[in-house]
Amino acid sequence: MPAGEVPPQRESPEELPQRKFGSGQMFVPAEEDPRSPGGFPDERPLLVGYLRDYRLTIELKCSGLDPAALARRSVPPSNLSLLGLLRHLAEAESLWFREVMSGQSPTPLYRRPDDRDAAFNDAAPDPAQVEQAWAAWREEVRFAERFVDGAPSFEVTGTMRDGMVLNLREVLVHMIEEYARHAGHADLLRERIDGRVGL
């Protein structure tokens, strides 16, 4: 190990939380699960439905935790935390729906010129910060949902900072990908916090 490098934290099996499912292989019992059962009839409800369900998955994985648990970087040496993911996803919603698709110039929610990863790096166990993060994420989701609901088709286009033009279909698929990736991160983070696992 190079001089000065901190060895990885090792926990004994007694220190690790016990794995526990909400119900069967699910995070929560079926009657408490707000996500859809699938079976979307065509493209619009399919893409909108999958994105909605992944947003709800992030909410579920963050549910029932206090600020300290939400801000815990439970998979060292990663800087990821559930609170950091929530802040990052609020920024992603703002970037793709406010900036790219709507042509606005929103003030960055967390990113700073000196730290692109401030959404993660500055996540702290502060109740006011947690409340702000939830409010920001929910507002950005509401904006995105209103935009998509009002779009006449998925051929509506937006322009990225580099001039690349994308249609709404591509943005929705990208956001599904973004949430799916981070839902996987959230699975591991939550399991290390209190052992809760499940789809």
N, C-alpha and C. Protein backbone atom coordinates (compact mmCIF):
# COMPACT_ATOMS: atom_id res chain seq x y z
N MET A 1 0.85 -1.19 0.00
CA MET A 1 0.00 0.00 0.00
C MET A 1 0.89 1.24 0.00
N PRO A 2 0.65 2.23 -0.90
CA PRO A 2 1.49 3.43 -0.94
C PRO A 2 1.49 4.17 0.39
N ALA A 3 2.61 4.84 0.68
CA ALA A 3 2.72 5.60 1.92
C ALA A 3 1.64 6.66 1.99
N GLY A 4 1.04 6.79 3.16
CA GLY A 4 0.01 7.81 3.36
C GLY A 4 -1.38 7.39 2.96
N GLU A 5 -1.52 6.25 2.25
CA GLU A 5 -2.86 5.82 1.84
C GLU A 5 -3.58 5.18 3.01
N VAL A 6 -4.85 5.55 3.17
CA VAL A 6 -5.65 5.02 4.27
C VAL A 6 -6.17 3.64 3.87
N PRO A 7 -5.96 2.62 4.70
CA PRO A 7 -6.46 1.29 4.35
C PRO A 7 -7.99 1.28 4.34
N PRO A 8 -8.60 0.43 3.51
CA PRO A 8 -10.07 0.39 3.47
C PRO A 8 -10.63 -0.06 4.81
N GLN A 9 -11.77 0.51 5.16
CA GLN A 9 -12.45 0.15 6.40
C GLN A 9 -12.98 -1.27 6.28
N ARG A 10 -12.68 -2.10 7.26
CA ARG A 10 -13.17 -3.47 7.26
C ARG A 10 -14.07 -3.65 8.47
N GLU A 11 -15.25 -4.18 8.24
CA GLU A 11 -16.19 -4.40 9.33
C GLU A 11 -16.33 -5.89 9.58
N SER A 12 -16.42 -6.24 10.82
CA SER A 12 -16.64 -7.64 11.15
C SER A 12 -18.08 -7.99 10.84
N PRO A 13 -18.37 -9.29 10.61
CA PRO A 13 -19.76 -9.68 10.31
C PRO A 13 -20.74 -9.21 11.38
N GLU A 14 -20.30 -9.11 12.62
CA GLU A 14 -21.18 -8.67 13.70
C GLU A 14 -21.59 -7.21 13.56
N GLU A 15 -20.74 -6.42 12.87
CA GLU A 15 -21.02 -4.99 12.72
C GLU A 15 -21.92 -4.70 11.53
N LEU A 16 -22.05 -5.64 10.61
CA LEU A 16 -22.85 -5.41 9.42
C LEU A 16 -24.33 -5.61 9.72
N PRO A 17 -25.20 -4.81 9.10
CA PRO A 17 -26.63 -5.01 9.33
C PRO A 17 -27.11 -6.32 8.72
N GLN A 18 -28.12 -6.90 9.29
CA GLN A 18 -28.71 -8.12 8.76
C GLN A 18 -29.61 -7.78 7.58
N ARG A 19 -29.50 -8.54 6.49
CA ARG A 19 -30.34 -8.30 5.31
C ARG A 19 -31.79 -8.62 5.65
N LYS A 20 -32.70 -7.73 5.22
CA LYS A 20 -34.12 -7.99 5.44
C LYS A 20 -34.94 -7.39 4.29
N PHE A 21 -35.88 -8.19 3.79
CA PHE A 21 -36.79 -7.77 2.73
C PHE A 21 -38.05 -7.18 3.36
N GLY A 22 -38.71 -6.30 2.61
CA GLY A 22 -39.99 -5.78 3.06
C GLY A 22 -41.06 -6.86 2.96
N SER A 23 -41.07 -7.57 1.82
CA SER A 23 -42.07 -8.62 1.60
C SER A 23 -41.62 -9.44 0.40
N GLY A 24 -41.43 -10.75 0.57
CA GLY A 24 -40.94 -11.56 -0.54
C GLY A 24 -39.59 -11.03 -0.98
N GLN A 25 -39.48 -10.75 -2.26
CA GLN A 25 -38.25 -10.16 -2.79
C GLN A 25 -38.39 -8.64 -2.99
N MET A 26 -39.42 -8.06 -2.41
CA MET A 26 -39.72 -6.64 -2.62
C MET A 26 -39.27 -5.80 -1.43
N PHE A 27 -39.03 -4.52 -1.71
CA PHE A 27 -38.60 -3.59 -0.66
C PHE A 27 -39.74 -3.28 0.29
N VAL A 28 -40.95 -3.22 -0.26
CA VAL A 28 -42.16 -2.99 0.55
C VAL A 28 -43.22 -4.00 0.13
N PRO A 29 -44.20 -4.30 0.99
CA PRO A 29 -45.30 -5.17 0.59
C PRO A 29 -46.05 -4.60 -0.62
N ALA A 30 -46.63 -5.48 -1.42
CA ALA A 30 -47.30 -5.06 -2.65
C ALA A 30 -48.35 -3.99 -2.42
N GLU A 31 -49.09 -4.09 -1.32
CA GLU A 31 -50.16 -3.12 -1.08
C GLU A 31 -49.62 -1.73 -0.71
N GLU A 32 -48.33 -1.64 -0.38
CA GLU A 32 -47.72 -0.36 -0.04
C GLU A 32 -46.84 0.18 -1.17
N ASP A 33 -46.72 -0.58 -2.25
CA ASP A 33 -45.81 -0.21 -3.34
C ASP A 33 -46.52 0.76 -4.29
N PRO A 34 -46.00 2.01 -4.43
CA PRO A 34 -46.67 2.98 -5.30
C PRO A 34 -46.36 2.80 -6.78
N ARG A 35 -45.44 1.89 -7.10
CA ARG A 35 -45.03 1.73 -8.50
C ARG A 35 -46.06 0.91 -9.28
N SER A 36 -46.03 1.09 -10.59
CA SER A 36 -47.01 0.43 -11.45
C SER A 36 -46.64 -1.05 -11.65
N PRO A 37 -47.62 -1.87 -12.03
CA PRO A 37 -47.33 -3.28 -12.31
C PRO A 37 -46.82 -3.51 -13.72
N GLY A 38 -46.68 -2.43 -14.52
CA GLY A 38 -46.23 -2.59 -15.91
C GLY A 38 -47.42 -2.74 -16.84
N GLY A 39 -47.17 -3.37 -18.00
CA GLY A 39 -48.24 -3.57 -18.97
C GLY A 39 -48.63 -2.29 -19.69
N PHE A 40 -47.65 -1.43 -19.97
CA PHE A 40 -47.94 -0.15 -20.64
C PHE A 40 -48.33 -0.40 -22.09
N PRO A 41 -49.39 0.27 -22.60
CA PRO A 41 -49.93 -0.07 -23.91
C PRO A 41 -49.13 0.43 -25.11
N ASP A 42 -48.45 1.57 -24.98
CA ASP A 42 -47.67 2.07 -26.12
C ASP A 42 -46.55 2.97 -25.62
N GLU A 43 -45.88 3.66 -26.55
CA GLU A 43 -44.62 4.32 -26.23
C GLU A 43 -44.73 5.39 -25.15
N ARG A 44 -45.69 6.29 -25.26
CA ARG A 44 -45.75 7.39 -24.30
C ARG A 44 -45.94 6.87 -22.86
N PRO A 45 -46.97 6.09 -22.58
CA PRO A 45 -47.10 5.59 -21.21
C PRO A 45 -45.94 4.68 -20.79
N LEU A 46 -45.31 4.00 -21.75
CA LEU A 46 -44.18 3.13 -21.44
C LEU A 46 -43.01 3.93 -20.90
N LEU A 47 -42.58 4.97 -21.63
CA LEU A 47 -41.42 5.76 -21.20
C LEU A 47 -41.74 6.59 -19.96
N VAL A 48 -42.91 7.21 -19.95
CA VAL A 48 -43.30 8.01 -18.79
C VAL A 48 -43.46 7.12 -17.56
N GLY A 49 -44.05 5.93 -17.76
CA GLY A 49 -44.27 5.02 -16.65
C GLY A 49 -42.98 4.47 -16.06
N TYR A 50 -42.04 4.09 -16.91
CA TYR A 50 -40.76 3.59 -16.38
C TYR A 50 -40.01 4.66 -15.63
N LEU A 51 -40.01 5.89 -16.16
CA LEU A 51 -39.31 6.97 -15.46
C LEU A 51 -39.99 7.26 -14.12
N ARG A 52 -41.31 7.29 -14.11
CA ARG A 52 -42.03 7.52 -12.85
C ARG A 52 -41.69 6.43 -11.83
N ASP A 53 -41.67 5.18 -12.28
CA ASP A 53 -41.40 4.08 -11.35
C ASP A 53 -39.98 4.15 -10.80
N TYR A 54 -39.02 4.55 -11.61
CA TYR A 54 -37.65 4.68 -11.10
C TYR A 54 -37.54 5.85 -10.13
N ARG A 55 -38.25 6.93 -10.40
CA ARG A 55 -38.27 8.03 -9.43
C ARG A 55 -38.83 7.55 -8.09
N LEU A 56 -39.91 6.78 -8.15
CA LEU A 56 -40.51 6.25 -6.93
C LEU A 56 -39.58 5.28 -6.22
N THR A 57 -38.78 4.53 -6.98
CA THR A 57 -37.82 3.61 -6.37
C THR A 57 -36.80 4.38 -5.54
N ILE A 58 -36.32 5.50 -6.06
CA ILE A 58 -35.38 6.33 -5.29
C ILE A 58 -36.04 6.81 -4.01
N GLU A 59 -37.30 7.25 -4.10
CA GLU A 59 -38.02 7.67 -2.89
C GLU A 59 -38.11 6.54 -1.88
N LEU A 60 -38.45 5.34 -2.35
CA LEU A 60 -38.56 4.20 -1.44
C LEU A 60 -37.24 3.90 -0.75
N LYS A 61 -36.15 3.92 -1.51
CA LYS A 61 -34.84 3.58 -0.94
C LYS A 61 -34.38 4.61 0.09
N CYS A 62 -34.92 5.82 0.02
CA CYS A 62 -34.57 6.87 0.99
C CYS A 62 -35.55 6.93 2.15
N SER A 63 -36.64 6.19 2.07
CA SER A 63 -37.71 6.33 3.06
C SER A 63 -37.30 5.81 4.43
N GLY A 64 -37.85 6.47 5.46
CA GLY A 64 -37.68 6.00 6.83
C GLY A 64 -36.31 6.23 7.44
N LEU A 65 -35.50 7.06 6.82
CA LEU A 65 -34.14 7.32 7.31
C LEU A 65 -34.02 8.74 7.84
N ASP A 66 -33.24 8.91 8.89
CA ASP A 66 -32.99 10.24 9.42
C ASP A 66 -31.86 10.91 8.61
N PRO A 67 -31.61 12.21 8.84
CA PRO A 67 -30.59 12.91 8.05
C PRO A 67 -29.21 12.26 8.12
N ALA A 68 -28.84 11.72 9.29
CA ALA A 68 -27.52 11.10 9.41
C ALA A 68 -27.41 9.88 8.50
N ALA A 69 -28.47 9.07 8.46
CA ALA A 69 -28.44 7.89 7.60
C ALA A 69 -28.46 8.27 6.13
N LEU A 70 -29.28 9.26 5.77
CA LEU A 70 -29.34 9.69 4.37
C LEU A 70 -28.00 10.23 3.88
N ALA A 71 -27.27 10.89 4.75
CA ALA A 71 -25.99 11.49 4.35
C ALA A 71 -24.81 10.53 4.50
N ARG A 72 -25.06 9.35 5.05
CA ARG A 72 -23.97 8.41 5.31
C ARG A 72 -23.36 7.89 4.02
N ARG A 73 -22.06 7.96 3.92
CA ARG A 73 -21.33 7.38 2.79
C ARG A 73 -21.02 5.94 3.18
N SER A 74 -21.99 5.09 2.92
CA SER A 74 -21.96 3.75 3.50
C SER A 74 -21.17 2.72 2.69
N VAL A 75 -20.62 3.13 1.55
CA VAL A 75 -19.82 2.21 0.75
C VAL A 75 -18.46 2.86 0.48
N PRO A 76 -17.61 2.99 1.54
CA PRO A 76 -16.33 3.64 1.35
C PRO A 76 -15.46 2.84 0.38
N PRO A 77 -14.58 3.53 -0.37
CA PRO A 77 -14.23 4.94 -0.26
C PRO A 77 -15.09 5.87 -1.12
N SER A 78 -16.20 5.38 -1.67
CA SER A 78 -17.07 6.19 -2.51
C SER A 78 -17.63 7.39 -1.74
N ASN A 79 -17.82 8.50 -2.45
CA ASN A 79 -18.46 9.67 -1.85
C ASN A 79 -19.98 9.62 -1.99
N LEU A 80 -20.53 8.50 -2.49
CA LEU A 80 -21.97 8.40 -2.68
C LEU A 80 -22.70 8.25 -1.36
N SER A 81 -23.83 8.93 -1.27
CA SER A 81 -24.79 8.76 -0.18
C SER A 81 -26.17 8.87 -0.79
N LEU A 82 -27.17 8.42 -0.08
CA LEU A 82 -28.54 8.56 -0.60
C LEU A 82 -28.91 10.03 -0.76
N LEU A 83 -28.50 10.86 0.18
CA LEU A 83 -28.77 12.30 0.06
C LEU A 83 -28.04 12.87 -1.15
N GLY A 84 -26.80 12.46 -1.35
CA GLY A 84 -26.05 12.92 -2.52
C GLY A 84 -26.73 12.51 -3.82
N LEU A 85 -27.24 11.27 -3.87
CA LEU A 85 -27.96 10.82 -5.07
C LEU A 85 -29.19 11.68 -5.32
N LEU A 86 -29.93 11.98 -4.27
CA LEU A 86 -31.13 12.80 -4.41
C LEU A 86 -30.77 14.18 -4.96
N ARG A 87 -29.72 14.79 -4.42
CA ARG A 87 -29.28 16.10 -4.90
C ARG A 87 -28.81 16.02 -6.35
N HIS A 88 -28.06 14.98 -6.68
CA HIS A 88 -27.57 14.80 -8.05
C HIS A 88 -28.73 14.63 -9.03
N LEU A 89 -29.73 13.84 -8.64
CA LEU A 89 -30.86 13.61 -9.54
C LEU A 89 -31.70 14.87 -9.73
N ALA A 90 -31.78 15.71 -8.71
CA ALA A 90 -32.47 17.00 -8.89
C ALA A 90 -31.73 17.83 -9.94
N GLU A 91 -30.41 17.80 -9.89
CA GLU A 91 -29.62 18.54 -10.91
C GLU A 91 -29.82 17.95 -12.29
N ALA A 92 -29.88 16.61 -12.38
CA ALA A 92 -30.08 15.98 -13.69
C ALA A 92 -31.45 16.36 -14.27
N GLU A 93 -32.48 16.34 -13.44
CA GLU A 93 -33.81 16.75 -13.89
C GLU A 93 -33.77 18.18 -14.42
N SER A 94 -33.13 19.07 -13.66
CA SER A 94 -33.05 20.47 -14.05
C SER A 94 -32.28 20.64 -15.37
N LEU A 95 -31.16 19.94 -15.48
CA LEU A 95 -30.35 20.05 -16.71
C LEU A 95 -31.15 19.63 -17.93
N TRP A 96 -31.75 18.44 -17.88
CA TRP A 96 -32.37 17.90 -19.09
C TRP A 96 -33.71 18.53 -19.41
N PHE A 97 -34.51 18.87 -18.44
CA PHE A 97 -35.83 19.39 -18.75
C PHE A 97 -35.90 20.91 -18.74
N ARG A 98 -35.24 21.56 -17.80
CA ARG A 98 -35.25 23.04 -17.82
C ARG A 98 -34.29 23.59 -18.86
N GLU A 99 -33.04 23.13 -18.82
CA GLU A 99 -32.03 23.72 -19.68
C GLU A 99 -32.12 23.20 -21.12
N VAL A 100 -31.97 21.89 -21.30
CA VAL A 100 -31.91 21.34 -22.65
C VAL A 100 -33.26 21.44 -23.36
N MET A 101 -34.33 20.94 -22.73
CA MET A 101 -35.61 20.88 -23.43
C MET A 101 -36.38 22.19 -23.41
N SER A 102 -36.25 22.98 -22.33
CA SER A 102 -37.02 24.23 -22.24
C SER A 102 -36.22 25.47 -22.61
N GLY A 103 -34.91 25.32 -22.76
CA GLY A 103 -34.08 26.46 -23.17
C GLY A 103 -33.86 27.48 -22.08
N GLN A 104 -34.11 27.12 -20.82
CA GLN A 104 -33.87 28.04 -19.71
C GLN A 104 -32.39 28.03 -19.32
N SER A 105 -32.02 28.95 -18.45
CA SER A 105 -30.66 29.00 -17.91
C SER A 105 -30.74 28.93 -16.38
N PRO A 106 -31.07 27.76 -15.85
CA PRO A 106 -31.27 27.66 -14.40
C PRO A 106 -29.95 27.82 -13.64
N THR A 107 -30.06 28.39 -12.44
CA THR A 107 -28.90 28.45 -11.55
C THR A 107 -28.59 27.04 -11.08
N PRO A 108 -27.33 26.61 -11.12
CA PRO A 108 -27.01 25.26 -10.64
C PRO A 108 -27.50 25.07 -9.20
N LEU A 109 -28.10 23.94 -8.95
CA LEU A 109 -28.62 23.67 -7.62
C LEU A 109 -27.50 23.42 -6.62
N TYR A 110 -26.48 22.67 -7.02
CA TYR A 110 -25.41 22.29 -6.09
C TYR A 110 -24.02 22.43 -6.69
N ARG A 111 -23.90 22.19 -7.96
CA ARG A 111 -22.60 22.23 -8.62
C ARG A 111 -21.97 23.61 -8.46
N ARG A 112 -20.65 23.62 -8.21
CA ARG A 112 -19.91 24.87 -8.10
C ARG A 112 -18.77 24.85 -9.12
N PRO A 113 -18.26 26.03 -9.50
CA PRO A 113 -17.15 26.06 -10.46
C PRO A 113 -15.93 25.26 -9.98
N ASP A 114 -15.75 25.21 -8.67
CA ASP A 114 -14.58 24.50 -8.14
C ASP A 114 -14.90 23.05 -7.76
N ASP A 115 -16.14 22.62 -7.91
CA ASP A 115 -16.49 21.25 -7.54
C ASP A 115 -17.74 20.81 -8.28
N ARG A 116 -17.53 20.06 -9.35
CA ARG A 116 -18.66 19.55 -10.12
C ARG A 116 -19.46 18.52 -9.33
N ASP A 117 -18.82 17.88 -8.34
CA ASP A 117 -19.48 16.84 -7.55
C ASP A 117 -19.96 17.33 -6.20
N ALA A 118 -20.24 18.62 -6.09
CA ALA A 118 -20.67 19.16 -4.80
C ALA A 118 -21.98 18.54 -4.33
N ALA A 119 -22.82 18.06 -5.24
CA ALA A 119 -24.06 17.40 -4.83
C ALA A 119 -23.75 16.23 -3.91
N PHE A 120 -22.66 15.54 -4.18
CA PHE A 120 -22.23 14.42 -3.35
C PHE A 120 -21.31 14.89 -2.22
N ASN A 121 -20.32 15.69 -2.57
CA ASN A 121 -19.28 16.05 -1.60
C ASN A 121 -19.79 16.90 -0.45
N ASP A 122 -20.81 17.71 -0.70
CA ASP A 122 -21.33 18.60 0.34
C ASP A 122 -22.57 18.06 1.05
N ALA A 123 -22.99 16.84 0.71
CA ALA A 123 -24.15 16.26 1.38
C ALA A 123 -23.82 16.05 2.85
N ALA A 124 -24.64 16.62 3.73
CA ALA A 124 -24.36 16.60 5.16
C ALA A 124 -25.61 16.20 5.95
N PRO A 125 -25.41 15.64 7.15
CA PRO A 125 -26.55 15.20 7.97
C PRO A 125 -27.26 16.34 8.66
N ASP A 126 -27.75 17.28 7.87
CA ASP A 126 -28.40 18.48 8.37
C ASP A 126 -29.88 18.42 7.98
N PRO A 127 -30.81 18.45 8.94
CA PRO A 127 -32.23 18.36 8.60
C PRO A 127 -32.69 19.40 7.59
N ALA A 128 -32.15 20.63 7.68
CA ALA A 128 -32.55 21.67 6.73
C ALA A 128 -32.06 21.34 5.33
N GLN A 129 -30.85 20.77 5.23
CA GLN A 129 -30.33 20.40 3.92
C GLN A 129 -31.15 19.26 3.32
N VAL A 130 -31.54 18.30 4.15
CA VAL A 130 -32.36 17.20 3.66
C VAL A 130 -33.72 17.73 3.17
N GLU A 131 -34.34 18.60 3.94
CA GLU A 131 -35.62 19.17 3.54
C GLU A 131 -35.50 19.92 2.23
N GLN A 132 -34.42 20.69 2.08
CA GLN A 132 -34.20 21.44 0.85
C GLN A 132 -33.99 20.50 -0.34
N ALA A 133 -33.25 19.42 -0.12
CA ALA A 133 -32.97 18.47 -1.20
C ALA A 133 -34.26 17.82 -1.70
N TRP A 134 -35.12 17.40 -0.76
CA TRP A 134 -36.40 16.82 -1.17
C TRP A 134 -37.25 17.84 -1.92
N ALA A 135 -37.29 19.07 -1.41
CA ALA A 135 -38.10 20.12 -2.07
C ALA A 135 -37.59 20.39 -3.48
N ALA A 136 -36.26 20.49 -3.63
CA ALA A 136 -35.69 20.77 -4.94
C ALA A 136 -35.97 19.62 -5.91
N TRP A 137 -35.76 18.39 -5.45
CA TRP A 137 -35.99 17.24 -6.33
C TRP A 137 -37.46 17.17 -6.75
N ARG A 138 -38.36 17.34 -5.80
CA ARG A 138 -39.79 17.27 -6.14
C ARG A 138 -40.20 18.37 -7.11
N GLU A 139 -39.65 19.57 -6.93
CA GLU A 139 -39.98 20.66 -7.83
C GLU A 139 -39.46 20.39 -9.24
N GLU A 140 -38.26 19.85 -9.35
CA GLU A 140 -37.71 19.53 -10.67
C GLU A 140 -38.49 18.40 -11.33
N VAL A 141 -38.92 17.41 -10.56
CA VAL A 141 -39.75 16.33 -11.12
C VAL A 141 -41.08 16.90 -11.60
N ARG A 142 -41.69 17.78 -10.81
CA ARG A 142 -42.97 18.40 -11.23
C ARG A 142 -42.79 19.17 -12.53
N PHE A 143 -41.70 19.93 -12.63
CA PHE A 143 -41.45 20.68 -13.86
C PHE A 143 -41.32 19.72 -15.04
N ALA A 144 -40.53 18.66 -14.87
CA ALA A 144 -40.33 17.70 -15.94
C ALA A 144 -41.64 17.05 -16.35
N GLU A 145 -42.45 16.66 -15.38
CA GLU A 145 -43.72 16.02 -15.69
C GLU A 145 -44.64 16.96 -16.45
N ARG A 146 -44.67 18.23 -16.04
CA ARG A 146 -45.50 19.21 -16.76
C ARG A 146 -45.02 19.38 -18.19
N PHE A 147 -43.70 19.43 -18.36
CA PHE A 147 -43.14 19.59 -19.70
C PHE A 147 -43.55 18.41 -20.59
N VAL A 148 -43.36 17.21 -20.09
CA VAL A 148 -43.67 16.02 -20.88
C VAL A 148 -45.17 15.94 -21.17
N ASP A 149 -45.99 16.23 -20.17
CA ASP A 149 -47.44 16.20 -20.38
C ASP A 149 -47.88 17.19 -21.46
N GLY A 150 -47.18 18.33 -21.53
CA GLY A 150 -47.55 19.36 -22.50
C GLY A 150 -46.92 19.21 -23.86
N ALA A 151 -46.00 18.27 -24.01
CA ALA A 151 -45.32 18.10 -25.30
C ALA A 151 -46.25 17.41 -26.29
N PRO A 152 -46.42 17.97 -27.49
CA PRO A 152 -47.33 17.36 -28.46
C PRO A 152 -46.86 16.01 -28.97
N SER A 153 -45.55 15.79 -28.94
CA SER A 153 -44.99 14.50 -29.37
C SER A 153 -43.59 14.37 -28.81
N PHE A 154 -43.01 13.18 -28.98
CA PHE A 154 -41.64 12.96 -28.53
C PHE A 154 -40.62 13.47 -29.54
N GLU A 155 -41.11 14.09 -30.63
CA GLU A 155 -40.20 14.68 -31.62
C GLU A 155 -39.80 16.11 -31.25
N VAL A 156 -40.39 16.66 -30.19
CA VAL A 156 -39.98 17.98 -29.69
C VAL A 156 -38.49 17.92 -29.37
N THR A 157 -37.75 18.96 -29.75
CA THR A 157 -36.29 18.92 -29.57
C THR A 157 -35.80 19.97 -28.60
N GLY A 158 -34.62 19.72 -28.08
CA GLY A 158 -33.91 20.66 -27.23
C GLY A 158 -32.44 20.64 -27.64
N THR A 159 -31.70 21.64 -27.17
CA THR A 159 -30.30 21.78 -27.58
C THR A 159 -29.38 21.76 -26.37
N MET A 160 -28.35 20.92 -26.45
CA MET A 160 -27.36 20.85 -25.39
C MET A 160 -26.38 22.01 -25.51
N ARG A 161 -25.56 22.20 -24.48
CA ARG A 161 -24.60 23.31 -24.48
C ARG A 161 -23.62 23.23 -25.65
N ASP A 162 -23.31 22.00 -26.09
CA ASP A 162 -22.36 21.85 -27.20
C ASP A 162 -23.04 21.96 -28.56
N GLY A 163 -24.33 22.28 -28.57
CA GLY A 163 -25.06 22.44 -29.83
C GLY A 163 -25.75 21.19 -30.33
N MET A 164 -25.53 20.07 -29.68
CA MET A 164 -26.18 18.83 -30.11
C MET A 164 -27.68 18.92 -29.85
N VAL A 165 -28.47 18.52 -30.84
CA VAL A 165 -29.93 18.57 -30.74
C VAL A 165 -30.45 17.17 -30.41
N LEU A 166 -31.30 17.10 -29.38
CA LEU A 166 -31.90 15.83 -28.97
C LEU A 166 -33.42 15.97 -28.95
N ASN A 167 -34.10 14.86 -29.21
CA ASN A 167 -35.55 14.92 -29.07
C ASN A 167 -35.96 14.42 -27.68
N LEU A 168 -37.20 14.66 -27.34
CA LEU A 168 -37.70 14.32 -26.01
C LEU A 168 -37.61 12.82 -25.75
N ARG A 169 -37.80 12.01 -26.76
CA ARG A 169 -37.69 10.56 -26.60
C ARG A 169 -36.30 10.19 -26.06
N GLU A 170 -35.26 10.76 -26.68
CA GLU A 170 -33.89 10.47 -26.24
C GLU A 170 -33.65 10.92 -24.80
N VAL A 171 -34.20 12.07 -24.44
CA VAL A 171 -34.03 12.57 -23.08
C VAL A 171 -34.72 11.66 -22.08
N LEU A 172 -35.91 11.20 -22.39
CA LEU A 172 -36.62 10.29 -21.49
C LEU A 172 -35.86 8.97 -21.32
N VAL A 173 -35.35 8.43 -22.41
CA VAL A 173 -34.59 7.18 -22.32
C VAL A 173 -33.33 7.41 -21.50
N HIS A 174 -32.68 8.55 -21.71
CA HIS A 174 -31.49 8.85 -20.91
C HIS A 174 -31.83 8.96 -19.43
N MET A 175 -32.94 9.61 -19.11
CA MET A 175 -33.31 9.77 -17.70
C MET A 175 -33.68 8.42 -17.07
N ILE A 176 -34.31 7.53 -17.82
CA ILE A 176 -34.55 6.18 -17.31
C ILE A 176 -33.22 5.50 -17.00
N GLU A 177 -32.28 5.63 -17.91
CA GLU A 177 -30.93 5.06 -17.69
C GLU A 177 -30.28 5.67 -16.45
N GLU A 178 -30.39 6.98 -16.31
CA GLU A 178 -29.78 7.69 -15.17
C GLU A 178 -30.36 7.18 -13.85
N TYR A 179 -31.67 7.11 -13.77
CA TYR A 179 -32.31 6.64 -12.55
C TYR A 179 -32.02 5.16 -12.29
N ALA A 180 -32.02 4.34 -13.34
CA ALA A 180 -31.77 2.91 -13.15
C ALA A 180 -30.37 2.69 -12.58
N ARG A 181 -29.40 3.41 -13.11
CA ARG A 181 -28.04 3.27 -12.60
C ARG A 181 -27.97 3.66 -11.13
N HIS A 182 -28.58 4.79 -10.80
CA HIS A 182 -28.50 5.26 -9.42
C HIS A 182 -29.41 4.48 -8.47
N ALA A 183 -30.45 3.85 -9.00
CA ALA A 183 -31.24 2.95 -8.15
C ALA A 183 -30.39 1.77 -7.70
N GLY A 184 -29.51 1.29 -8.57
CA GLY A 184 -28.58 0.25 -8.18
C GLY A 184 -27.62 0.71 -7.10
N HIS A 185 -27.12 1.94 -7.23
CA HIS A 185 -26.29 2.50 -6.17
C HIS A 185 -27.09 2.57 -4.86
N ALA A 186 -28.33 3.03 -4.97
CA ALA A 186 -29.17 3.18 -3.78
C ALA A 186 -29.42 1.83 -3.10
N ASP A 187 -29.55 0.76 -3.90
CA ASP A 187 -29.71 -0.57 -3.31
C ASP A 187 -28.57 -0.89 -2.35
N LEU A 188 -27.33 -0.68 -2.82
CA LEU A 188 -26.17 -1.00 -1.98
C LEU A 188 -26.04 -0.06 -0.79
N LEU A 189 -26.25 1.23 -1.02
CA LEU A 189 -26.15 2.19 0.07
C LEU A 189 -27.14 1.87 1.17
N ARG A 190 -28.40 1.58 0.79
CA ARG A 190 -29.42 1.30 1.80
C ARG A 190 -29.13 -0.01 2.54
N GLU A 191 -28.67 -1.01 1.81
CA GLU A 191 -28.37 -2.28 2.47
C GLU A 191 -27.28 -2.11 3.52
N ARG A 192 -26.29 -1.28 3.25
CA ARG A 192 -25.22 -1.07 4.22
C ARG A 192 -25.67 -0.23 5.40
N ILE A 193 -26.72 0.56 5.22
CA ILE A 193 -27.20 1.40 6.32
C ILE A 193 -28.00 0.57 7.33
N ASP A 194 -29.01 -0.15 6.84
CA ASP A 194 -29.86 -0.87 7.80
C ASP A 194 -30.26 -2.28 7.36
N GLY A 195 -29.64 -2.76 6.27
CA GLY A 195 -29.93 -4.12 5.83
C GLY A 195 -31.14 -4.26 4.94
N ARG A 196 -31.90 -3.18 4.70
CA ARG A 196 -33.10 -3.27 3.87
C ARG A 196 -32.72 -3.55 2.42
N VAL A 197 -33.31 -4.59 1.86
CA VAL A 197 -33.06 -4.95 0.47
C VAL A 197 -34.40 -5.24 -0.20
N GLY A 198 -34.35 -5.39 -1.52
CA GLY A 198 -35.55 -5.73 -2.26
C GLY A 198 -35.76 -4.82 -3.45
N LEU A 199 -36.53 -5.30 -4.39
CA LEU A 199 -36.80 -4.54 -5.61
C LEU A 199 -37.69 -3.34 -5.32
